[in-house]
Amino acid sequence: MRDLTHYPFEIRTLSEDDGGGFLISFPDFSECISDGETPEEAIRNGLDALSETIAALESMKLPVPEPGSGGSYSGRFVQRVPRSLHARLAARAKQEGVSMNALVTTLLADGLARQER
């Protein structure tokens, strides 16, 4: 029996447009996410989802990642945003003469740098 608490996870707040509450994801399992009204509920639901994900992988005789093995990142992720924000990003990218991908990458990097100070 695996100790699921050894798997790292990330929790983020969901906007009201996305239904509110908290989203949990597991870097070792790109296909495993869950949510909850509180961080504690998201963790409980996430561990249930993780258990089911591992059981599905095992039943299909697929490898189960070890805790912390999700350090290999593709550089790609999908993020849903409100339509109004999407429109603002597209307009700004056009104004600056760059792709929206380049603009968002720059904004994310700038925001992370400010938070890490």
PDB file of N, CA and C in Angstrom:
ATOM      1  N   MET A   1       0.846  -1.195   0.000  1.00  0.00           N
ATOM      2  CA  MET A   1       0.000   0.000   0.000  1.00  0.00           C
ATOM      3  C   MET A   1       0.885   1.249   0.000  1.00  0.00           C
ATOM      4  N   ARG A   2       0.653   2.140  -0.913  1.00  0.00           N
ATOM      5  CA  ARG A   2       1.440   3.369  -1.040  1.00  0.00           C
ATOM      6  C   ARG A   2       0.985   4.407  -0.012  1.00  0.00           C
ATOM      7  N   ASP A   3       1.940   5.181   0.477  1.00  0.00           N
ATOM      8  CA  ASP A   3       1.622   6.322   1.331  1.00  0.00           C
ATOM      9  C   ASP A   3       1.443   7.527   0.417  1.00  0.00           C
ATOM     10  N   LEU A   4       0.212   7.881   0.158  1.00  0.00           N
ATOM     11  CA  LEU A   4      -0.095   8.953  -0.786  1.00  0.00           C
ATOM     12  C   LEU A   4       0.356  10.316  -0.287  1.00  0.00           C
ATOM     13  N   THR A   5       0.568  10.449   1.013  1.00  0.00           N
ATOM     14  CA  THR A   5       0.968  11.755   1.561  1.00  0.00           C
ATOM     15  C   THR A   5       2.387  12.140   1.162  1.00  0.00           C
ATOM     16  N   HIS A   6       3.147  11.207   0.569  1.00  0.00           N
ATOM     17  CA  HIS A   6       4.496  11.540   0.106  1.00  0.00           C
ATOM     18  C   HIS A   6       4.496  12.229  -1.259  1.00  0.00           C
ATOM     19  N   TYR A   7       3.357  12.201  -1.955  1.00  0.00           N
ATOM     20  CA  TYR A   7       3.283  12.848  -3.262  1.00  0.00           C
ATOM     21  C   TYR A   7       3.084  14.354  -3.093  1.00  0.00           C
ATOM     22  N   PRO A   8       3.945  15.157  -3.715  1.00  0.00           N
ATOM     23  CA  PRO A   8       3.773  16.613  -3.614  1.00  0.00           C
ATOM     24  C   PRO A   8       2.506  17.055  -4.348  1.00  0.00           C
ATOM     25  N   PHE A   9       1.933  18.144  -3.856  1.00  0.00           N
ATOM     26  CA  PHE A   9       0.746  18.695  -4.505  1.00  0.00           C
ATOM     27  C   PHE A   9       0.806  20.205  -4.478  1.00  0.00           C
ATOM     28  N   GLU A  10      -0.021  20.799  -5.304  1.00  0.00           N
ATOM     29  CA  GLU A  10      -0.143  22.256  -5.367  1.00  0.00           C
ATOM     30  C   GLU A  10      -1.611  22.594  -5.209  1.00  0.00           C
ATOM     31  N   ILE A  11      -1.894  23.629  -4.432  1.00  0.00           N
ATOM     32  CA  ILE A  11      -3.268  24.100  -4.254  1.00  0.00           C
ATOM     33  C   ILE A  11      -3.327  25.548  -4.695  1.00  0.00           C
ATOM     34  N   ARG A  12      -4.376  25.877  -5.438  1.00  0.00           N
ATOM     35  CA  ARG A  12      -4.573  27.272  -5.817  1.00  0.00           C
ATOM     36  C   ARG A  12      -6.038  27.619  -5.631  1.00  0.00           C
ATOM     37  N   THR A  13      -6.279  28.890  -5.383  1.00  0.00           N
ATOM     38  CA  THR A  13      -7.636  29.385  -5.213  1.00  0.00           C
ATOM     39  C   THR A  13      -8.305  29.496  -6.570  1.00  0.00           C
ATOM     40  N   LEU A  14      -9.544  29.065  -6.649  1.00  0.00           N
ATOM     41  CA  LEU A  14     -10.323  29.200  -7.873  1.00  0.00           C
ATOM     42  C   LEU A  14     -11.127  30.495  -7.813  1.00  0.00           C
ATOM     43  N   SER A  15     -11.170  31.211  -8.914  1.00  0.00           N
ATOM     44  CA  SER A  15     -11.949  32.453  -8.972  1.00  0.00           C
ATOM     45  C   SER A  15     -13.437  32.127  -8.894  1.00  0.00           C
ATOM     46  N   GLU A  16     -14.218  33.137  -8.601  1.00  0.00           N
ATOM     47  CA  GLU A  16     -15.668  32.953  -8.581  1.00  0.00           C
ATOM     48  C   GLU A  16     -16.173  32.510  -9.955  1.00  0.00           C
ATOM     49  N   ASP A  17     -15.546  33.020 -11.026  1.00  0.00           N
ATOM     50  CA  ASP A  17     -15.931  32.616 -12.381  1.00  0.00           C
ATOM     51  C   ASP A  17     -15.697  31.120 -12.609  1.00  0.00           C
ATOM     52  N   ASP A  18     -14.704  30.564 -11.904  1.00  0.00           N
ATOM     53  CA  ASP A  18     -14.404  29.139 -12.020  1.00  0.00           C
ATOM     54  C   ASP A  18     -15.124  28.309 -10.962  1.00  0.00           C
ATOM     55  N   GLY A  19     -16.016  28.936 -10.201  1.00  0.00           N
ATOM     56  CA  GLY A  19     -16.801  28.200  -9.220  1.00  0.00           C
ATOM     57  C   GLY A  19     -16.348  28.367  -7.782  1.00  0.00           C
ATOM     58  N   GLY A  20     -15.240  29.082  -7.561  1.00  0.00           N
ATOM     59  CA  GLY A  20     -14.746  29.296  -6.203  1.00  0.00           C
ATOM     60  C   GLY A  20     -14.128  28.040  -5.613  1.00  0.00           C
ATOM     61  N   GLY A  21     -13.671  28.152  -4.387  1.00  0.00           N
ATOM     62  CA  GLY A  21     -13.050  27.026  -3.711  1.00  0.00           C
ATOM     63  C   GLY A  21     -11.576  26.913  -4.054  1.00  0.00           C
ATOM     64  N   PHE A  22     -11.068  25.686  -4.000  1.00  0.00           N
ATOM     65  CA  PHE A  22      -9.641  25.432  -4.178  1.00  0.00           C
ATOM     66  C   PHE A  22      -9.429  24.239  -5.105  1.00  0.00           C
ATOM     67  N   LEU A  23      -8.411  24.345  -5.945  1.00  0.00           N
ATOM     68  CA  LEU A  23      -8.045  23.284  -6.889  1.00  0.00           C
ATOM     69  C   LEU A  23      -6.734  22.664  -6.415  1.00  0.00           C
ATOM     70  N   ILE A  24      -6.683  21.342  -6.399  1.00  0.00           N
ATOM     71  CA  ILE A  24      -5.453  20.634  -6.042  1.00  0.00           C
ATOM     72  C   ILE A  24      -4.975  19.848  -7.257  1.00  0.00           C
ATOM     73  N   SER A  25      -3.665  19.872  -7.472  1.00  0.00           N
ATOM     74  CA  SER A  25      -3.068  19.090  -8.551  1.00  0.00           C
ATOM     75  C   SER A  25      -1.794  18.437  -8.033  1.00  0.00           C
ATOM     76  N   PHE A  26      -1.382  17.390  -8.715  1.00  0.00           N
ATOM     77  CA  PHE A  26      -0.215  16.610  -8.320  1.00  0.00           C
ATOM     78  C   PHE A  26       0.797  16.639  -9.459  1.00  0.00           C
ATOM     79  N   PRO A  27       1.970  17.267  -9.271  1.00  0.00           N
ATOM     80  CA  PRO A  27       2.963  17.374 -10.354  1.00  0.00           C
ATOM     81  C   PRO A  27       3.400  16.028 -10.925  1.00  0.00           C
ATOM     82  N   ASP A  28       3.322  14.980 -10.141  1.00  0.00           N
ATOM     83  CA  ASP A  28       3.730  13.662 -10.629  1.00  0.00           C
ATOM     84  C   ASP A  28       2.679  13.022 -11.540  1.00  0.00           C
ATOM     85  N   PHE A  29       1.452  13.573 -11.550  1.00  0.00           N
ATOM     86  CA  PHE A  29       0.330  13.009 -12.301  1.00  0.00           C
ATOM     87  C   PHE A  29      -0.401  14.136 -13.012  1.00  0.00           C
ATOM     88  N   SER A  30      -0.095  14.378 -14.269  1.00  0.00           N
ATOM     89  CA  SER A  30      -0.726  15.485 -14.992  1.00  0.00           C
ATOM     90  C   SER A  30      -2.229  15.297 -15.125  1.00  0.00           C
ATOM     91  N   GLU A  31      -2.703  14.066 -15.040  1.00  0.00           N
ATOM     92  CA  GLU A  31      -4.118  13.792 -15.236  1.00  0.00           C
ATOM     93  C   GLU A  31      -4.920  13.785 -13.939  1.00  0.00           C
ATOM     94  N   CYS A  32      -4.308  14.113 -12.803  1.00  0.00           N
ATOM     95  CA  CYS A  32      -4.983  13.997 -11.510  1.00  0.00           C
ATOM     96  C   CYS A  32      -5.176  15.365 -10.864  1.00  0.00           C
ATOM     97  N   ILE A  33      -6.439  15.819 -10.839  1.00  0.00           N
ATOM     98  CA  ILE A  33      -6.792  17.061 -10.153  1.00  0.00           C
ATOM     99  C   ILE A  33      -8.089  16.843  -9.395  1.00  0.00           C
ATOM    100  N   SER A  34      -8.346  17.711  -8.435  1.00  0.00           N
ATOM    101  CA  SER A  34      -9.605  17.685  -7.710  1.00  0.00           C
ATOM    102  C   SER A  34      -9.818  19.071  -7.129  1.00  0.00           C
ATOM    103  N   ASP A  35     -10.906  19.237  -6.387  1.00  0.00           N
ATOM    104  CA  ASP A  35     -11.167  20.533  -5.776  1.00  0.00           C
ATOM    105  C   ASP A  35     -11.942  20.353  -4.484  1.00  0.00           C
ATOM    106  N   GLY A  36     -12.183  21.462  -3.812  1.00  0.00           N
ATOM    107  CA  GLY A  36     -12.957  21.456  -2.585  1.00  0.00           C
ATOM    108  C   GLY A  36     -13.282  22.873  -2.170  1.00  0.00           C
ATOM    109  N   GLU A  37     -14.233  23.001  -1.263  1.00  0.00           N
ATOM    110  CA  GLU A  37     -14.629  24.320  -0.763  1.00  0.00           C
ATOM    111  C   GLU A  37     -13.548  24.947   0.113  1.00  0.00           C
ATOM    112  N   THR A  38     -12.777  24.108   0.799  1.00  0.00           N
ATOM    113  CA  THR A  38     -11.684  24.568   1.664  1.00  0.00           C
ATOM    114  C   THR A  38     -10.405  23.859   1.230  1.00  0.00           C
ATOM    115  N   PRO A  39      -9.240  24.377   1.639  1.00  0.00           N
ATOM    116  CA  PRO A  39      -8.000  23.651   1.311  1.00  0.00           C
ATOM    117  C   PRO A  39      -8.007  22.230   1.865  1.00  0.00           C
ATOM    118  N   GLU A  40      -8.542  22.051   3.077  1.00  0.00           N
ATOM    119  CA  GLU A  40      -8.578  20.721   3.688  1.00  0.00           C
ATOM    120  C   GLU A  40      -9.450  19.764   2.880  1.00  0.00           C
ATOM    121  N   GLU A  41     -10.605  20.257   2.418  1.00  0.00           N
ATOM    122  CA  GLU A  41     -11.484  19.422   1.603  1.00  0.00           C
ATOM    123  C   GLU A  41     -10.826  19.110   0.261  1.00  0.00           C
ATOM    124  N   ALA A  42     -10.133  20.089  -0.321  1.00  0.00           N
ATOM    125  CA  ALA A  42      -9.433  19.852  -1.583  1.00  0.00           C
ATOM    126  C   ALA A  42      -8.369  18.769  -1.405  1.00  0.00           C
ATOM    127  N   ILE A  43      -7.655  18.799  -0.291  1.00  0.00           N
ATOM    128  CA  ILE A  43      -6.632  17.774  -0.028  1.00  0.00           C
ATOM    129  C   ILE A  43      -7.278  16.399   0.116  1.00  0.00           C
ATOM    130  N   ARG A  44      -8.346  16.308   0.905  1.00  0.00           N
ATOM    131  CA  ARG A  44      -9.041  15.014   1.057  1.00  0.00           C
ATOM    132  C   ARG A  44      -9.522  14.495  -0.298  1.00  0.00           C
ATOM    133  N   ASN A  45     -10.184  15.367  -1.063  1.00  0.00           N
ATOM    134  CA  ASN A  45     -10.687  14.961  -2.379  1.00  0.00           C
ATOM    135  C   ASN A  45      -9.533  14.621  -3.324  1.00  0.00           C
ATOM    136  N   GLY A  46      -8.446  15.383  -3.210  1.00  0.00           N
ATOM    137  CA  GLY A  46      -7.281  15.136  -4.050  1.00  0.00           C
ATOM    138  C   GLY A  46      -6.653  13.786  -3.769  1.00  0.00           C
ATOM    139  N   LEU A  47      -6.556  13.426  -2.488  1.00  0.00           N
ATOM    140  CA  LEU A  47      -5.978  12.120  -2.146  1.00  0.00           C
ATOM    141  C   LEU A  47      -6.868  10.982  -2.635  1.00  0.00           C
ATOM    142  N   ASP A  48      -8.195  11.184  -2.601  1.00  0.00           N
ATOM    143  CA  ASP A  48      -9.106  10.185  -3.173  1.00  0.00           C
ATOM    144  C   ASP A  48      -8.871  10.055  -4.680  1.00  0.00           C
ATOM    145  N   ALA A  49      -8.757  11.198  -5.359  1.00  0.00           N
ATOM    146  CA  ALA A  49      -8.517  11.182  -6.805  1.00  0.00           C
ATOM    147  C   ALA A  49      -7.170  10.538  -7.124  1.00  0.00           C
ATOM    148  N   LEU A  50      -6.162  10.833  -6.301  1.00  0.00           N
ATOM    149  CA  LEU A  50      -4.839  10.249  -6.502  1.00  0.00           C
ATOM    150  C   LEU A  50      -4.883   8.732  -6.337  1.00  0.00           C
ATOM    151  N   SER A  51      -5.595   8.265  -5.334  1.00  0.00           N
ATOM    152  CA  SER A  51      -5.737   6.827  -5.110  1.00  0.00           C
ATOM    153  C   SER A  51      -6.391   6.159  -6.319  1.00  0.00           C
ATOM    154  N   GLU A  52      -7.444   6.786  -6.857  1.00  0.00           N
ATOM    155  CA  GLU A  52      -8.127   6.242  -8.032  1.00  0.00           C
ATOM    156  C   GLU A  52      -7.229   6.282  -9.269  1.00  0.00           C
ATOM    157  N   THR A  53      -6.448   7.351  -9.410  1.00  0.00           N
ATOM    158  CA  THR A  53      -5.538   7.465 -10.549  1.00  0.00           C
ATOM    159  C   THR A  53      -4.494   6.356 -10.505  1.00  0.00           C
ATOM    160  N   ILE A  54      -3.911   6.136  -9.340  1.00  0.00           N
ATOM    161  CA  ILE A  54      -2.905   5.075  -9.184  1.00  0.00           C
ATOM    162  C   ILE A  54      -3.524   3.711  -9.447  1.00  0.00           C
ATOM    163  N   ALA A  55      -4.736   3.474  -8.932  1.00  0.00           N
ATOM    164  CA  ALA A  55      -5.412   2.192  -9.160  1.00  0.00           C
ATOM    165  C   ALA A  55      -5.657   1.979 -10.649  1.00  0.00           C
ATOM    166  N   ALA A  56      -6.053   3.046 -11.357  1.00  0.00           N
ATOM    167  CA  ALA A  56      -6.290   2.925 -12.804  1.00  0.00           C
ATOM    168  C   ALA A  56      -4.998   2.608 -13.544  1.00  0.00           C
ATOM    169  N   LEU A  57      -3.904   3.284 -13.177  1.00  0.00           N
ATOM    170  CA  LEU A  57      -2.619   3.006 -13.826  1.00  0.00           C
ATOM    171  C   LEU A  57      -2.194   1.565 -13.584  1.00  0.00           C
ATOM    172  N   GLU A  58      -2.339   1.115 -12.344  1.00  0.00           N
ATOM    173  CA  GLU A  58      -1.950  -0.263 -12.011  1.00  0.00           C
ATOM    174  C   GLU A  58      -2.821  -1.279 -12.752  1.00  0.00           C
ATOM    175  N   SER A  59      -4.126  -0.997 -12.859  1.00  0.00           N
ATOM    176  CA  SER A  59      -5.011  -1.943 -13.546  1.00  0.00           C
ATOM    177  C   SER A  59      -4.686  -2.041 -15.031  1.00  0.00           C
ATOM    178  N   MET A  60      -4.131  -0.961 -15.589  1.00  0.00           N
ATOM    179  CA  MET A  60      -3.743  -0.973 -17.006  1.00  0.00           C
ATOM    180  C   MET A  60      -2.283  -1.401 -17.175  1.00  0.00           C
ATOM    181  N   LYS A  61      -1.670  -1.793 -16.058  1.00  0.00           N
ATOM    182  CA  LYS A  61      -0.272  -2.235 -16.056  1.00  0.00           C
ATOM    183  C   LYS A  61       0.670  -1.154 -16.575  1.00  0.00           C
ATOM    184  N   LEU A  62       0.360   0.108 -16.223  1.00  0.00           N
ATOM    185  CA  LEU A  62       1.202   1.245 -16.578  1.00  0.00           C
ATOM    186  C   LEU A  62       2.042   1.631 -15.375  1.00  0.00           C
ATOM    187  N   PRO A  63       3.203   2.244 -15.597  1.00  0.00           N
ATOM    188  CA  PRO A  63       4.060   2.619 -14.473  1.00  0.00           C
ATOM    189  C   PRO A  63       3.403   3.706 -13.614  1.00  0.00           C
ATOM    190  N   VAL A  64       3.628   3.605 -12.325  1.00  0.00           N
ATOM    191  CA  VAL A  64       3.147   4.611 -11.375  1.00  0.00           C
ATOM    192  C   VAL A  64       4.341   5.456 -10.960  1.00  0.00           C
ATOM    193  N   PRO A  65       4.286   6.761 -11.190  1.00  0.00           N
ATOM    194  CA  PRO A  65       5.418   7.625 -10.825  1.00  0.00           C
ATOM    195  C   PRO A  65       5.726   7.563  -9.329  1.00  0.00           C
ATOM    196  N   GLU A  66       6.982   7.685  -9.012  1.00  0.00           N
ATOM    197  CA  GLU A  66       7.399   7.772  -7.616  1.00  0.00           C
ATOM    198  C   GLU A  66       7.153   9.198  -7.122  1.00  0.00           C
ATOM    199  N   PRO A  67       6.936   9.372  -5.823  1.00  0.00           N
ATOM    200  CA  PRO A  67       6.736  10.727  -5.291  1.00  0.00           C
ATOM    201  C   PRO A  67       7.914  11.641  -5.639  1.00  0.00           C
ATOM    202  N   GLY A  68       7.589  12.820  -6.134  1.00  0.00           N
ATOM    203  CA  GLY A  68       8.612  13.803  -6.459  1.00  0.00           C
ATOM    204  C   GLY A  68       9.266  13.616  -7.810  1.00  0.00           C
ATOM    205  N   SER A  69       8.783  12.671  -8.596  1.00  0.00           N
ATOM    206  CA  SER A  69       9.403  12.414  -9.898  1.00  0.00           C
ATOM    207  C   SER A  69       8.875  13.341 -10.986  1.00  0.00           C
ATOM    208  N   GLY A  70       7.923  14.173 -10.663  1.00  0.00           N
ATOM    209  CA  GLY A  70       7.322  15.055 -11.664  1.00  0.00           C
ATOM    210  C   GLY A  70       8.132  16.295 -11.943  1.00  0.00           C
ATOM    211  N   GLY A  71       9.416  16.246 -11.702  1.00  0.00           N
ATOM    212  CA  GLY A  71      10.276  17.400 -11.912  1.00  0.00           C
ATOM    213  C   GLY A  71      10.579  17.699 -13.352  1.00  0.00           C
ATOM    214  N   SER A  72      10.174  16.833 -14.255  1.00  0.00           N
ATOM    215  CA  SER A  72      10.408  17.051 -15.671  1.00  0.00           C
ATOM    216  C   SER A  72       9.213  17.803 -16.241  1.00  0.00           C
ATOM    217  N   TYR A  73       9.424  19.058 -16.611  1.00  0.00           N
ATOM    218  CA  TYR A  73       8.329  19.891 -17.070  1.00  0.00           C
ATOM    219  C   TYR A  73       8.439  20.133 -18.564  1.00  0.00           C
ATOM    220  N   SER A  74       7.305  20.067 -19.237  1.00  0.00           N
ATOM    221  CA  SER A  74       7.284  20.210 -20.692  1.00  0.00           C
ATOM    222  C   SER A  74       7.378  21.665 -21.134  1.00  0.00           C
ATOM    223  N   GLY A  75       7.089  22.602 -20.213  1.00  0.00           N
ATOM    224  CA  GLY A  75       7.055  24.007 -20.596  1.00  0.00           C
ATOM    225  C   GLY A  75       5.700  24.401 -21.157  1.00  0.00           C
ATOM    226  N   ARG A  76       4.739  23.520 -21.021  1.00  0.00           N
ATOM    227  CA  ARG A  76       3.406  23.792 -21.543  1.00  0.00           C
ATOM    228  C   ARG A  76       2.390  23.550 -20.438  1.00  0.00           C
ATOM    229  N   PHE A  77       1.431  24.479 -20.305  1.00  0.00           N
ATOM    230  CA  PHE A  77       0.290  24.255 -19.432  1.00  0.00           C
ATOM    231  C   PHE A  77      -0.899  25.012 -20.001  1.00  0.00           C
ATOM    232  N   VAL A  78      -2.077  24.588 -19.607  1.00  0.00           N
ATOM    233  CA  VAL A  78      -3.302  25.208 -20.104  1.00  0.00           C
ATOM    234  C   VAL A  78      -3.967  25.909 -18.930  1.00  0.00           C
ATOM    235  N   GLN A  79      -4.366  27.141 -19.143  1.00  0.00           N
ATOM    236  CA  GLN A  79      -5.009  27.919 -18.086  1.00  0.00           C
ATOM    237  C   GLN A  79      -6.263  28.569 -18.635  1.00  0.00           C
ATOM    238  N   ARG A  80      -7.381  28.326 -18.013  1.00  0.00           N
ATOM    239  CA  ARG A  80      -8.613  29.012 -18.399  1.00  0.00           C
ATOM    240  C   ARG A  80      -8.642  30.361 -17.699  1.00  0.00           C
ATOM    241  N   VAL A  81      -9.044  31.378 -18.436  1.00  0.00           N
ATOM    242  CA  VAL A  81      -9.167  32.725 -17.879  1.00  0.00           C
ATOM    243  C   VAL A  81     -10.513  33.292 -18.305  1.00  0.00           C
ATOM    244  N   PRO A  82     -11.024  34.256 -17.546  1.00  0.00           N
ATOM    245  CA  PRO A  82     -12.273  34.891 -17.972  1.00  0.00           C
ATOM    246  C   PRO A  82     -12.114  35.534 -19.350  1.00  0.00           C
ATOM    247  N   ARG A  83     -13.195  35.592 -20.094  1.00  0.00           N
ATOM    248  CA  ARG A  83     -13.152  36.159 -21.437  1.00  0.00           C
ATOM    249  C   ARG A  83     -12.628  37.590 -21.425  1.00  0.00           C
ATOM    250  N   SER A  84     -13.006  38.348 -20.404  1.00  0.00           N
ATOM    251  CA  SER A  84     -12.565  39.749 -20.335  1.00  0.00           C
ATOM    252  C   SER A  84     -11.048  39.832 -20.204  1.00  0.00           C
ATOM    253  N   LEU A  85     -10.446  38.945 -19.409  1.00  0.00           N
ATOM    254  CA  LEU A  85      -8.994  38.937 -19.264  1.00  0.00           C
ATOM    255  C   LEU A  85      -8.335  38.485 -20.566  1.00  0.00           C
ATOM    256  N   HIS A  86      -8.905  37.493 -21.212  1.00  0.00           N
ATOM    257  CA  HIS A  86      -8.378  37.015 -22.491  1.00  0.00           C
ATOM    258  C   HIS A  86      -8.352  38.163 -23.506  1.00  0.00           C
ATOM    259  N   ALA A  87      -9.436  38.924 -23.550  1.00  0.00           N
ATOM    260  CA  ALA A  87      -9.513  40.055 -24.486  1.00  0.00           C
ATOM    261  C   ALA A  87      -8.454  41.110 -24.159  1.00  0.00           C
ATOM    262  N   ARG A  88      -8.265  41.394 -22.870  1.00  0.00           N
ATOM    263  CA  ARG A  88      -7.249  42.380 -22.460  1.00  0.00           C
ATOM    264  C   ARG A  88      -5.853  41.911 -22.838  1.00  0.00           C
ATOM    265  N   LEU A  89      -5.572  40.623 -22.621  1.00  0.00           N
ATOM    266  CA  LEU A  89      -4.253  40.086 -22.963  1.00  0.00           C
ATOM    267  C   LEU A  89      -4.017  40.145 -24.475  1.00  0.00           C
ATOM    268  N   ALA A  90      -5.030  39.776 -25.243  1.00  0.00           N
ATOM    269  CA  ALA A  90      -4.890  39.797 -26.707  1.00  0.00           C
ATOM    270  C   ALA A  90      -4.655  41.220 -27.210  1.00  0.00           C
ATOM    271  N   ALA A  91      -5.392  42.183 -26.646  1.00  0.00           N
ATOM    272  CA  ALA A  91      -5.232  43.579 -27.075  1.00  0.00           C
ATOM    273  C   ALA A  91      -3.842  44.101 -26.720  1.00  0.00           C
ATOM    274  N   ARG A  92      -3.367  43.759 -25.528  1.00  0.00           N
ATOM    275  CA  ARG A  92      -2.034  44.235 -25.117  1.00  0.00           C
ATOM    276  C   ARG A  92      -0.942  43.598 -25.958  1.00  0.00           C
ATOM    277  N   ALA A  93      -1.065  42.315 -26.246  1.00  0.00           N
ATOM    278  CA  ALA A  93      -0.068  41.638 -27.082  1.00  0.00           C
ATOM    279  C   ALA A  93      -0.028  42.285 -28.463  1.00  0.00           C
ATOM    280  N   LYS A  94      -1.176  42.579 -29.020  1.00  0.00           N
ATOM    281  CA  LYS A  94      -1.230  43.231 -30.334  1.00  0.00           C
ATOM    282  C   LYS A  94      -0.585  44.611 -30.267  1.00  0.00           C
ATOM    283  N   GLN A  95      -0.906  45.360 -29.208  1.00  0.00           N
ATOM    284  CA  GLN A  95      -0.340  46.707 -29.025  1.00  0.00           C
ATOM    285  C   GLN A  95       1.183  46.657 -28.934  1.00  0.00           C
ATOM    286  N   GLU A  96       1.714  45.635 -28.249  1.00  0.00           N
ATOM    287  CA  GLU A  96       3.160  45.527 -28.065  1.00  0.00           C
ATOM    288  C   GLU A  96       3.837  44.787 -29.218  1.00  0.00           C
ATOM    289  N   GLY A  97       3.057  44.255 -30.140  1.00  0.00           N
ATOM    290  CA  GLY A  97       3.628  43.574 -31.294  1.00  0.00           C
ATOM    291  C   GLY A  97       4.272  42.238 -30.974  1.00  0.00           C
ATOM    292  N   VAL A  98       3.713  41.536 -29.974  1.00  0.00           N
ATOM    293  CA  VAL A  98       4.240  40.220 -29.598  1.00  0.00           C
ATOM    294  C   VAL A  98       3.083  39.224 -29.575  1.00  0.00           C
ATOM    295  N   SER A  99       3.431  37.953 -29.519  1.00  0.00           N
ATOM    296  CA  SER A  99       2.383  36.940 -29.396  1.00  0.00           C
ATOM    297  C   SER A  99       1.805  36.990 -27.977  1.00  0.00           C
ATOM    298  N   MET A 100       0.588  36.513 -27.825  1.00  0.00           N
ATOM    299  CA  MET A 100       0.002  36.466 -26.485  1.00  0.00           C
ATOM    300  C   MET A 100       0.818  35.527 -25.599  1.00  0.00           C
ATOM    301  N   ASN A 101       1.355  34.449 -26.173  1.00  0.00           N
ATOM    302  CA  ASN A 101       2.191  33.529 -25.413  1.00  0.00           C
ATOM    303  C   ASN A 101       3.415  34.251 -24.846  1.00  0.00           C
ATOM    304  N   ALA A 102       4.093  35.057 -25.664  1.00  0.00           N
ATOM    305  CA  ALA A 102       5.267  35.800 -25.203  1.00  0.00           C
ATOM    306  C   ALA A 102       4.885  36.803 -24.120  1.00  0.00           C
ATOM    307  N   LEU A 103       3.759  37.482 -24.311  1.00  0.00           N
ATOM    308  CA  LEU A 103       3.308  38.459 -23.321  1.00  0.00           C
ATOM    309  C   LEU A 103       3.021  37.793 -21.984  1.00  0.00           C
ATOM    310  N   VAL A 104       2.254  36.712 -22.007  1.00  0.00           N
ATOM    311  CA  VAL A 104       1.890  36.023 -20.768  1.00  0.00           C
ATOM    312  C   VAL A 104       3.127  35.454 -20.078  1.00  0.00           C
ATOM    313  N   THR A 105       4.057  34.915 -20.836  1.00  0.00           N
ATOM    314  CA  THR A 105       5.302  34.398 -20.254  1.00  0.00           C
ATOM    315  C   THR A 105       6.058  35.511 -19.537  1.00  0.00           C
ATOM    316  N   THR A 106       6.138  36.672 -20.158  1.00  0.00           N
ATOM    317  CA  THR A 106       6.821  37.818 -19.548  1.00  0.00           C
ATOM    318  C   THR A 106       6.096  38.273 -18.292  1.00  0.00           C
ATOM    319  N   LEU A 107       4.779  38.373 -18.365  1.00  0.00           N
ATOM    320  CA  LEU A 107       4.009  38.802 -17.189  1.00  0.00           C
ATOM    321  C   LEU A 107       4.152  37.820 -16.032  1.00  0.00           C
ATOM    322  N   LEU A 108       4.112  36.530 -16.328  1.00  0.00           N
ATOM    323  CA  LEU A 108       4.295  35.520 -15.280  1.00  0.00           C
ATOM    324  C   LEU A 108       5.682  35.611 -14.651  1.00  0.00           C
ATOM    325  N   ALA A 109       6.697  35.723 -15.485  1.00  0.00           N
ATOM    326  CA  ALA A 109       8.069  35.811 -14.973  1.00  0.00           C
ATOM    327  C   ALA A 109       8.251  37.064 -14.116  1.00  0.00           C
ATOM    328  N   ASP A 110       7.710  38.192 -14.570  1.00  0.00           N
ATOM    329  CA  ASP A 110       7.798  39.435 -13.789  1.00  0.00           C
ATOM    330  C   ASP A 110       7.075  39.295 -12.455  1.00  0.00           C
ATOM    331  N   GLY A 111       5.888  38.718 -12.487  1.00  0.00           N
ATOM    332  CA  GLY A 111       5.107  38.539 -11.249  1.00  0.00           C
ATOM    333  C   GLY A 111       5.815  37.617 -10.265  1.00  0.00           C
ATOM    334  N   LEU A 112       6.377  36.529 -10.752  1.00  0.00           N
ATOM    335  CA  LEU A 112       7.122  35.616  -9.865  1.00  0.00           C
ATOM    336  C   LEU A 112       8.349  36.298  -9.284  1.00  0.00           C
ATOM    337  N   ALA A 113       9.055  37.058 -10.100  1.00  0.00           N
ATOM    338  CA  ALA A 113      10.254  37.742  -9.626  1.00  0.00           C
ATOM    339  C   ALA A 113       9.894  38.720  -8.502  1.00  0.00           C
ATOM    340  N   ARG A 114       8.798  39.446  -8.660  1.00  0.00           N
ATOM    341  CA  ARG A 114       8.372  40.399  -7.623  1.00  0.00           C
ATOM    342  C   ARG A 114       8.021  39.678  -6.334  1.00  0.00           C
ATOM    343  N   GLN A 115       7.346  38.525  -6.426  1.00  0.00           N
ATOM    344  CA  GLN A 115       6.959  37.784  -5.233  1.00  0.00           C
ATOM    345  C   GLN A 115       8.153  37.148  -4.529  1.00  0.00           C
ATOM    346  N   GLU A 116       9.194  36.836  -5.266  1.00  0.00           N
ATOM    347  CA  GLU A 116      10.360  36.170  -4.685  1.00  0.00           C
ATOM    348  C   GLU A 116      11.310  37.126  -3.995  1.00  0.00           C
ATOM    349  N   ARG A 117      11.074  38.414  -4.118  1.00  0.00           N
ATOM    350  CA  ARG A 117      11.962  39.410  -3.491  1.00  0.00           C
ATOM    351  C   ARG A 117      11.775  39.452  -2.017  1.00  0.00           C
TER     352      ARG A 117
END
